[in-house]
Amino acid sequence: MKRKDDLLLQNVGGQDLLVPLGSKVLDMNGMVVLNPTGRYIWELLAEDRSLEDLVTAVVARFKVGADRAGADVRTFVDDLSRKGWIDI
């Protein structure tokens, strides 16, 4: 899976925001705030990654258990997919 190019990650006032570009501006009502884990996953999705790749990276970076990381990453990726922000 890989992120689409019509969203831009910006840090504004210490918060990481996904800002819509182009036609996405009409689809979204504002911006989306990312926590540090969400930002890290979004950055990883600049390249094609599997779910397993993302979980392994989150476990290593944030020192969390694989079960917890797997559930959180799956939830986040499912949300991005429903919104049409990533290609699976």
N, C-alpha and C. Protein backbone atom coordinates (compact mmCIF):
# COMPACT_ATOMS: atom_id res chain seq x y z
N MET A 1 0.84 -1.17 0.00
CA MET A 1 0.00 0.00 0.00
C MET A 1 0.88 1.23 0.00
N LYS A 2 0.32 2.33 -0.51
CA LYS A 2 1.08 3.56 -0.65
C LYS A 2 0.12 4.74 -0.56
N ARG A 3 0.59 5.83 0.02
CA ARG A 3 -0.27 7.01 0.16
C ARG A 3 -0.47 7.69 -1.19
N LYS A 4 -1.58 8.39 -1.30
CA LYS A 4 -1.85 9.17 -2.50
C LYS A 4 -1.17 10.53 -2.38
N ASP A 5 -1.02 11.19 -3.52
CA ASP A 5 -0.26 12.44 -3.56
C ASP A 5 -1.09 13.69 -3.31
N ASP A 6 -2.40 13.53 -3.07
CA ASP A 6 -3.23 14.73 -2.96
C ASP A 6 -3.47 15.17 -1.51
N LEU A 7 -2.56 14.76 -0.62
CA LEU A 7 -2.55 15.23 0.76
C LEU A 7 -1.12 15.60 1.13
N LEU A 8 -0.97 16.68 1.86
CA LEU A 8 0.35 17.17 2.24
C LEU A 8 0.46 17.15 3.76
N LEU A 9 1.57 16.64 4.27
CA LEU A 9 1.83 16.65 5.70
C LEU A 9 2.52 17.96 6.04
N GLN A 10 1.93 18.71 6.97
CA GLN A 10 2.48 19.99 7.40
C GLN A 10 2.50 20.04 8.92
N ASN A 11 3.51 20.65 9.49
CA ASN A 11 3.53 20.89 10.93
C ASN A 11 3.16 22.35 11.14
N VAL A 12 2.06 22.55 11.84
CA VAL A 12 1.56 23.90 12.11
C VAL A 12 1.35 24.04 13.62
N GLY A 13 2.05 24.97 14.22
CA GLY A 13 1.90 25.20 15.65
C GLY A 13 2.21 23.97 16.49
N GLY A 14 3.14 23.14 16.02
CA GLY A 14 3.52 21.94 16.75
C GLY A 14 2.62 20.74 16.51
N GLN A 15 1.62 20.89 15.64
CA GLN A 15 0.74 19.77 15.31
C GLN A 15 0.99 19.33 13.88
N ASP A 16 1.00 18.00 13.68
CA ASP A 16 1.16 17.44 12.35
C ASP A 16 -0.21 17.31 11.71
N LEU A 17 -0.38 17.95 10.57
CA LEU A 17 -1.67 17.99 9.89
C LEU A 17 -1.57 17.42 8.49
N LEU A 18 -2.59 16.68 8.07
CA LEU A 18 -2.73 16.30 6.67
C LEU A 18 -3.63 17.34 6.03
N VAL A 19 -3.09 18.03 5.05
CA VAL A 19 -3.79 19.12 4.39
C VAL A 19 -4.19 18.64 2.99
N PRO A 20 -5.47 18.76 2.64
CA PRO A 20 -5.91 18.31 1.31
C PRO A 20 -5.42 19.25 0.22
N LEU A 21 -5.15 18.67 -0.94
CA LEU A 21 -4.73 19.42 -2.13
C LEU A 21 -5.70 19.12 -3.27
N GLY A 22 -5.79 20.02 -4.22
CA GLY A 22 -6.60 19.79 -5.42
C GLY A 22 -8.04 19.45 -5.10
N SER A 23 -8.54 18.40 -5.72
CA SER A 23 -9.94 18.02 -5.56
C SER A 23 -10.26 17.53 -4.16
N LYS A 24 -9.25 17.10 -3.40
CA LYS A 24 -9.48 16.64 -2.02
C LYS A 24 -10.00 17.77 -1.13
N VAL A 25 -9.70 19.02 -1.48
CA VAL A 25 -10.18 20.15 -0.69
C VAL A 25 -11.70 20.11 -0.60
N LEU A 26 -12.35 19.75 -1.69
CA LEU A 26 -13.81 19.69 -1.72
C LEU A 26 -14.34 18.49 -0.96
N ASP A 27 -13.57 17.41 -0.89
CA ASP A 27 -14.00 16.18 -0.23
C ASP A 27 -13.85 16.22 1.28
N MET A 28 -12.95 17.05 1.77
CA MET A 28 -12.66 17.07 3.21
C MET A 28 -13.17 18.36 3.83
N ASN A 29 -13.63 18.26 5.04
CA ASN A 29 -14.04 19.44 5.80
C ASN A 29 -12.94 19.84 6.76
N GLY A 30 -11.84 20.32 6.25
CA GLY A 30 -10.73 20.74 7.09
C GLY A 30 -9.52 19.85 6.95
N MET A 31 -8.75 19.81 8.03
CA MET A 31 -7.50 19.06 8.04
C MET A 31 -7.60 17.94 9.07
N VAL A 32 -6.67 17.02 9.01
CA VAL A 32 -6.63 15.89 9.94
C VAL A 32 -5.36 16.00 10.77
N VAL A 33 -5.50 15.92 12.08
CA VAL A 33 -4.37 15.98 12.98
C VAL A 33 -3.84 14.55 13.20
N LEU A 34 -2.53 14.39 13.07
CA LEU A 34 -1.89 13.09 13.27
C LEU A 34 -1.10 13.08 14.57
N ASN A 35 -1.16 11.98 15.30
CA ASN A 35 -0.28 11.81 16.45
C ASN A 35 1.07 11.33 15.91
N PRO A 36 2.09 11.21 16.78
CA PRO A 36 3.41 10.80 16.29
C PRO A 36 3.41 9.47 15.54
N THR A 37 2.61 8.51 15.99
CA THR A 37 2.57 7.22 15.30
C THR A 37 1.93 7.37 13.92
N GLY A 38 0.84 8.12 13.84
CA GLY A 38 0.19 8.36 12.55
C GLY A 38 1.12 9.07 11.58
N ARG A 39 1.86 10.04 12.08
CA ARG A 39 2.81 10.75 11.22
C ARG A 39 3.86 9.79 10.69
N TYR A 40 4.40 8.94 11.56
CA TYR A 40 5.43 8.00 11.16
C TYR A 40 4.91 7.04 10.09
N ILE A 41 3.72 6.52 10.29
CA ILE A 41 3.13 5.61 9.30
C ILE A 41 2.91 6.34 7.99
N TRP A 42 2.39 7.57 8.05
CA TRP A 42 2.17 8.35 6.83
C TRP A 42 3.48 8.54 6.07
N GLU A 43 4.55 8.85 6.78
CA GLU A 43 5.85 9.02 6.14
C GLU A 43 6.32 7.72 5.50
N LEU A 44 6.12 6.59 6.19
CA LEU A 44 6.52 5.30 5.63
C LEU A 44 5.75 5.00 4.35
N LEU A 45 4.51 5.45 4.29
CA LEU A 45 3.66 5.16 3.12
C LEU A 45 4.02 5.99 1.89
N ALA A 46 5.10 6.75 1.97
CA ALA A 46 5.61 7.44 0.78
C ALA A 46 6.09 6.40 -0.24
N GLU A 47 6.46 5.22 0.28
CA GLU A 47 6.86 4.09 -0.56
C GLU A 47 5.88 2.95 -0.32
N ASP A 48 5.80 2.06 -1.28
CA ASP A 48 4.89 0.91 -1.16
C ASP A 48 5.32 0.04 0.02
N ARG A 49 4.40 -0.22 0.94
CA ARG A 49 4.69 -1.01 2.14
C ARG A 49 3.57 -2.02 2.38
N SER A 50 3.93 -3.13 2.97
CA SER A 50 2.92 -4.09 3.39
C SER A 50 2.50 -3.75 4.82
N LEU A 51 1.39 -4.33 5.25
CA LEU A 51 0.94 -4.14 6.62
C LEU A 51 2.00 -4.64 7.59
N GLU A 52 2.60 -5.76 7.27
CA GLU A 52 3.64 -6.32 8.12
C GLU A 52 4.84 -5.37 8.24
N ASP A 53 5.22 -4.72 7.12
CA ASP A 53 6.31 -3.75 7.16
C ASP A 53 5.99 -2.62 8.13
N LEU A 54 4.77 -2.12 8.07
CA LEU A 54 4.37 -1.01 8.93
C LEU A 54 4.37 -1.42 10.40
N VAL A 55 3.83 -2.59 10.68
CA VAL A 55 3.78 -3.07 12.07
C VAL A 55 5.19 -3.24 12.62
N THR A 56 6.07 -3.85 11.86
CA THR A 56 7.45 -4.06 12.29
C THR A 56 8.13 -2.73 12.58
N ALA A 57 7.91 -1.75 11.72
CA ALA A 57 8.52 -0.43 11.90
C ALA A 57 7.98 0.27 13.14
N VAL A 58 6.68 0.16 13.40
CA VAL A 58 6.07 0.79 14.58
C VAL A 58 6.58 0.12 15.85
N VAL A 59 6.68 -1.19 15.85
CA VAL A 59 7.20 -1.91 17.02
C VAL A 59 8.62 -1.43 17.34
N ALA A 60 9.45 -1.33 16.32
CA ALA A 60 10.84 -0.93 16.52
C ALA A 60 10.96 0.53 16.98
N ARG A 61 10.16 1.39 16.39
CA ARG A 61 10.28 2.83 16.67
C ARG A 61 9.69 3.21 18.02
N PHE A 62 8.53 2.64 18.36
CA PHE A 62 7.80 3.08 19.55
C PHE A 62 7.86 2.09 20.71
N LYS A 63 8.61 1.00 20.54
CA LYS A 63 8.79 0.02 21.62
C LYS A 63 7.46 -0.45 22.21
N VAL A 64 6.55 -0.84 21.34
CA VAL A 64 5.26 -1.40 21.76
C VAL A 64 5.21 -2.86 21.31
N GLY A 65 4.30 -3.61 21.90
CA GLY A 65 4.15 -5.00 21.53
C GLY A 65 3.57 -5.16 20.14
N ALA A 66 3.87 -6.29 19.53
CA ALA A 66 3.42 -6.55 18.16
C ALA A 66 1.90 -6.62 18.07
N ASP A 67 1.23 -7.17 19.08
CA ASP A 67 -0.23 -7.26 19.04
C ASP A 67 -0.86 -5.88 19.06
N ARG A 68 -0.38 -5.05 19.97
CA ARG A 68 -0.92 -3.68 20.07
C ARG A 68 -0.62 -2.89 18.81
N ALA A 69 0.62 -2.97 18.33
CA ALA A 69 1.00 -2.25 17.12
C ALA A 69 0.18 -2.73 15.94
N GLY A 70 -0.01 -4.04 15.82
CA GLY A 70 -0.78 -4.59 14.71
C GLY A 70 -2.20 -4.08 14.70
N ALA A 71 -2.84 -4.06 15.86
CA ALA A 71 -4.23 -3.58 15.94
C ALA A 71 -4.31 -2.09 15.61
N ASP A 72 -3.38 -1.30 16.15
CA ASP A 72 -3.41 0.14 15.90
C ASP A 72 -3.10 0.48 14.45
N VAL A 73 -2.10 -0.18 13.89
CA VAL A 73 -1.74 0.09 12.48
C VAL A 73 -2.89 -0.33 11.58
N ARG A 74 -3.48 -1.47 11.84
CA ARG A 74 -4.60 -1.95 11.01
C ARG A 74 -5.77 -0.96 11.06
N THR A 75 -6.09 -0.45 12.25
CA THR A 75 -7.17 0.53 12.39
C THR A 75 -6.86 1.80 11.60
N PHE A 76 -5.63 2.29 11.72
CA PHE A 76 -5.23 3.51 11.02
C PHE A 76 -5.26 3.32 9.51
N VAL A 77 -4.71 2.21 9.04
CA VAL A 77 -4.68 1.92 7.60
C VAL A 77 -6.10 1.74 7.06
N ASP A 78 -6.95 1.06 7.81
CA ASP A 78 -8.35 0.90 7.39
C ASP A 78 -9.03 2.25 7.25
N ASP A 79 -8.77 3.16 8.19
CA ASP A 79 -9.36 4.50 8.13
C ASP A 79 -8.84 5.26 6.90
N LEU A 80 -7.54 5.20 6.65
CA LEU A 80 -6.98 5.86 5.47
C LEU A 80 -7.57 5.28 4.19
N SER A 81 -7.76 3.98 4.15
CA SER A 81 -8.32 3.32 2.98
C SER A 81 -9.77 3.76 2.75
N ARG A 82 -10.57 3.77 3.81
CA ARG A 82 -11.97 4.21 3.68
C ARG A 82 -12.08 5.63 3.16
N LYS A 83 -11.13 6.46 3.54
CA LYS A 83 -11.13 7.85 3.10
C LYS A 83 -10.56 8.01 1.69
N GLY A 84 -9.98 6.94 1.16
CA GLY A 84 -9.41 7.00 -0.19
C GLY A 84 -8.07 7.69 -0.23
N TRP A 85 -7.33 7.68 0.88
CA TRP A 85 -6.06 8.37 0.95
C TRP A 85 -4.86 7.48 0.66
N ILE A 86 -5.08 6.17 0.56
CA ILE A 86 -4.00 5.26 0.22
C ILE A 86 -4.48 4.30 -0.87
N ASP A 87 -3.53 3.82 -1.62
CA ASP A 87 -3.79 2.76 -2.60
C ASP A 87 -3.32 1.46 -1.98
N ILE A 88 -4.20 0.49 -1.96
CA ILE A 88 -3.84 -0.80 -1.38
C ILE A 88 -3.51 -1.78 -2.50
